[in-house]
Protein backbone atom coordinates (compact mmCIF):
# COMPACT_ATOMS: atom_id res chain seq x y z
CA MET A 1 -10.87 -15.21 52.03
CA CYS A 2 -11.12 -17.36 55.00
CA PHE A 3 -14.32 -19.15 56.57
CA GLY A 4 -14.94 -20.69 59.81
CA GLY A 5 -12.68 -18.17 61.98
CA SER A 6 -9.28 -19.86 60.87
CA LYS A 7 -6.57 -17.36 60.21
CA THR A 8 -3.89 -17.77 57.22
CA THR A 9 -0.45 -16.05 57.52
CA VAL A 10 1.36 -15.38 54.21
CA VAL A 11 5.18 -15.17 54.56
CA VAL A 12 6.81 -13.48 51.38
CA PRO A 13 10.55 -14.89 51.18
CA PRO A 14 13.22 -12.24 50.36
CA PRO A 15 14.41 -11.91 46.82
CA PRO A 16 17.10 -14.23 46.00
CA GLU A 17 20.85 -12.83 45.97
CA PRO A 18 22.00 -11.93 42.53
CA SER A 19 24.23 -14.47 40.80
CA LYS A 20 27.93 -13.62 39.92
CA GLU A 21 26.99 -13.11 36.37
CA GLU A 22 24.22 -10.60 37.30
CA VAL A 23 26.92 -8.77 39.64
CA ARG A 24 29.44 -8.80 36.78
CA GLN A 25 26.87 -7.30 34.36
CA ASN A 26 25.72 -4.61 36.97
CA GLN A 27 29.53 -3.59 37.48
CA LEU A 28 30.25 -3.34 33.49
CA THR A 29 27.04 -1.14 33.17
CA ASN A 30 27.98 1.04 35.73
CA GLN A 31 31.62 1.48 34.47
CA LEU A 32 30.12 2.11 30.96
CA LEU A 33 27.80 4.84 32.48
CA GLU A 34 30.86 6.53 34.07
CA LEU A 35 32.83 6.53 30.83
CA ASN A 36 29.95 8.09 29.04
CA ILE A 37 29.45 10.82 31.57
CA SER A 38 33.19 11.45 31.57
CA ALA A 39 33.45 11.47 27.89
CA GLN A 40 30.77 14.41 28.04
CA GLY A 41 32.84 16.50 30.51
CA PHE A 42 31.20 15.43 33.62
CA GLU A 43 32.24 13.53 36.69
CA ILE A 44 30.19 11.58 39.36
CA GLU A 45 30.61 13.00 42.82
CA GLU A 46 29.78 11.18 45.90
CA THR A 47 27.70 13.30 48.35
CA GLU A 48 25.81 12.56 51.50
CA ASP A 49 22.49 12.39 49.51
CA GLY A 50 24.36 9.87 46.93
CA PRO A 51 25.95 10.30 43.62
CA ARG A 52 25.54 13.40 41.79
CA ILE A 53 26.80 14.42 38.20
CA VAL A 54 29.05 17.68 38.12
CA GLU A 55 30.64 19.42 35.38
CA ARG A 56 34.53 18.42 35.33
CA GLN A 57 36.94 21.16 35.76
CA LEU A 58 38.99 21.66 32.68
CA THR A 59 42.77 22.77 32.35
CA PRO A 60 43.60 25.67 30.26
CA GLU A 61 45.07 23.28 27.55
CA GLN A 62 41.76 21.34 27.54
CA ILE A 63 39.89 24.47 27.15
CA ALA A 64 41.72 25.68 24.24
CA GLN A 65 41.63 22.14 22.60
CA LYS A 66 37.86 22.12 23.15
CA THR A 67 37.42 25.64 21.76
CA THR A 68 39.65 24.71 18.79
CA ASP A 69 37.41 21.45 18.31
CA GLU A 70 34.26 23.36 18.40
CA THR A 71 35.24 25.76 15.98
CA ARG A 72 36.18 23.02 13.51
CA GLU A 73 33.05 21.28 13.95
CA ARG A 74 31.19 24.47 13.25
CA GLU A 75 33.04 25.01 10.06
CA LEU A 76 32.68 21.54 8.99
CA GLN A 77 28.81 21.83 9.40
CA ASP A 78 28.81 25.19 7.75
CA ARG A 79 30.64 23.40 4.74
CA LEU A 80 28.25 20.48 4.78
CA PHE A 81 25.03 22.74 4.96
CA ALA A 82 26.41 24.93 1.99
CA SER A 83 26.98 21.72 0.02
CA VAL A 84 23.51 20.37 0.60
CA GLU A 85 21.94 23.74 -0.39
CA GLY A 86 24.01 23.56 -3.56
CA LEU A 87 22.70 20.25 -4.41
CA GLY A 88 19.20 21.52 -3.90
CA GLU A 89 19.90 24.15 -6.54
CA ARG A 90 21.51 21.73 -8.88
CA ASP A 91 18.48 19.33 -8.46
CA GLN A 92 16.04 22.20 -9.40
CA GLU A 93 18.01 22.90 -12.67
CA PHE A 94 17.98 19.24 -13.62
CA GLU A 95 14.29 19.13 -13.16
CA ASP A 96 13.71 22.15 -15.17
CA ARG A 97 15.76 20.84 -18.12
CA ILE A 98 14.08 17.45 -18.15
CA THR A 99 10.67 19.34 -18.19
CA ALA A 100 11.69 21.63 -20.94
CA LEU A 101 12.82 18.44 -23.02
CA LEU A 102 9.35 16.28 -22.36
CA ASP A 103 6.47 17.09 -24.95
CA PRO A 104 3.52 18.17 -23.01
CA GLU A 105 1.07 16.12 -25.55
CA LEU A 106 3.06 12.99 -25.12
CA THR A 107 2.71 13.24 -21.32
CA GLU A 108 -1.00 13.76 -21.79
CA ARG A 109 -1.23 10.91 -24.07
CA GLN A 110 0.82 8.70 -21.79
CA LEU A 111 -1.69 9.77 -18.98
CA GLU A 112 -4.70 8.95 -21.03
CA ILE A 113 -3.34 5.40 -21.98
CA GLN A 114 -2.37 5.00 -18.28
CA ASP A 115 -6.02 5.89 -17.06
CA LEU A 116 -7.49 3.53 -19.71
CA ALA A 117 -5.09 0.74 -18.41
CA GLU A 118 -6.04 1.32 -14.88
CA GLN A 119 -9.92 1.37 -15.61
CA ARG A 120 -9.37 -2.07 -17.63
CA GLN A 121 -7.71 -3.46 -14.52
CA LEU A 122 -10.25 -2.26 -12.13
CA GLU A 123 -12.91 -3.71 -14.43
CA GLU A 124 -11.00 -7.10 -14.68
CA LEU A 125 -10.63 -7.13 -10.79
CA SER A 126 -14.21 -6.09 -10.09
CA GLY A 127 -15.53 -8.69 -12.64
CA GLN A 128 -17.05 -5.95 -14.58
CA PRO A 129 -16.80 -6.18 -18.43
CA SER A 130 -15.33 -3.21 -20.45
CA GLU A 131 -17.57 -1.13 -22.56
CA ARG A 132 -15.70 -2.69 -25.81
CA THR A 133 -16.45 -6.26 -24.41
CA LYS A 134 -20.25 -5.33 -23.82
CA GLU A 135 -20.41 -3.75 -27.35
CA LEU A 136 -18.98 -7.19 -28.84
CA VAL A 137 -21.20 -9.38 -26.68
CA GLY A 138 -24.24 -7.37 -27.67
CA GLU A 139 -23.47 -7.64 -31.31
CA SER A 140 -22.85 -11.42 -31.14
CA PHE A 141 -26.07 -11.98 -29.28
CA GLU A 142 -28.03 -9.81 -31.93
CA SER A 143 -26.38 -11.74 -34.73
CA ALA A 144 -27.25 -15.01 -33.32
CA ARG A 145 -30.95 -13.72 -32.54
CA THR A 146 -31.32 -12.52 -36.24
CA MET A 147 -30.00 -15.83 -37.64
CA GLY A 148 -32.21 -17.91 -35.21
CA GLU A 149 -35.30 -16.12 -36.22
CA GLU A 150 -34.51 -16.41 -39.91
CA ASP A 151 -34.01 -20.30 -39.54
CA ILE A 152 -37.31 -20.62 -37.43
CA GLN A 153 -39.22 -18.52 -40.06
CA ARG A 154 -37.75 -20.49 -43.15
CA PHE A 155 -38.64 -23.81 -41.31
CA ALA A 156 -42.25 -22.63 -40.61
CA THR A 157 -42.42 -21.41 -44.11
CA GLU A 158 -41.27 -24.87 -45.57
CA LEU A 159 -43.32 -26.86 -43.10
CA ALA A 160 -46.67 -24.88 -43.80
CA GLY A 161 -45.82 -24.85 -47.55
CA SER A 162 -45.49 -28.77 -47.49
CA ARG A 163 -48.82 -29.09 -46.13
CA GLY A 164 -50.39 -26.59 -48.45
CA PHE A 165 -50.72 -23.59 -46.00
CA GLU A 166 -49.36 -20.17 -45.71
CA ARG A 167 -46.88 -19.77 -42.80
CA THR A 168 -49.28 -17.18 -41.18
CA ASP A 169 -52.48 -19.30 -41.76
CA SER A 170 -51.21 -22.73 -40.39
CA PRO A 171 -50.93 -24.03 -36.96
CA VAL A 172 -47.04 -23.86 -37.23
CA ALA A 173 -47.43 -20.05 -36.77
CA GLN A 174 -48.11 -20.29 -33.10
CA GLU A 175 -45.43 -22.69 -32.53
CA ALA A 176 -42.91 -20.60 -34.65
CA PHE A 177 -43.84 -17.73 -32.71
CA LYS A 178 -43.51 -19.60 -29.53
CA ALA A 179 -40.00 -20.88 -30.65
CA GLN A 180 -38.78 -17.16 -31.65
CA ARG A 181 -39.99 -16.05 -28.30
CA ASP A 182 -37.99 -18.79 -26.43
CA LEU A 183 -34.92 -18.05 -28.67
CA THR A 184 -34.96 -14.46 -27.74
CA THR A 185 -35.59 -14.96 -24.08
CA GLY A 186 -32.73 -17.55 -23.94
CA LEU A 187 -30.21 -15.28 -25.58
CA ARG A 188 -31.19 -12.25 -23.62
CA SER A 189 -30.68 -14.15 -20.24
CA ALA A 190 -27.41 -15.65 -21.48
CA GLU A 191 -26.05 -12.24 -22.63
CA ALA A 192 -26.98 -10.95 -19.19
């Protein structure tokens, strides 16, 4: 974009001449292309419109050799396909024998064990405890709660008795009840 009325002319230089290495690579590529075309039974014919690929005329000996080669190739392919089909039948027989030898109950048990192992792995990876772990934790905390409450009641009874009161009649009862509540709350929060 020009301002003030000035004009700019852009001159694009011609592309550089190919190097000797590039010329050599192009020649080798063209020769390789011609060899591939020739191997497929074609020739490159120069016409007014440029190069054109045409089918090469074969001699009678070349035609006979080509026919023989094609026939041999078909026979080899047929043999190969027949052997592959035979392998499929043998594989099926092998699978049938293996299936017959396996105990279906054992397989079901193995699947059940595998499912349980996978479930445990998922629980561990997700940070969730297993049902058995939850049961053990619940039993441990219940045991701790019971033992703690018994200790609090025994202490409250001894303290009240040393002052000549009954456990339920003394000012210790309120504190014992509060201690039991704190113990239960603390254990439940730790369990969670």
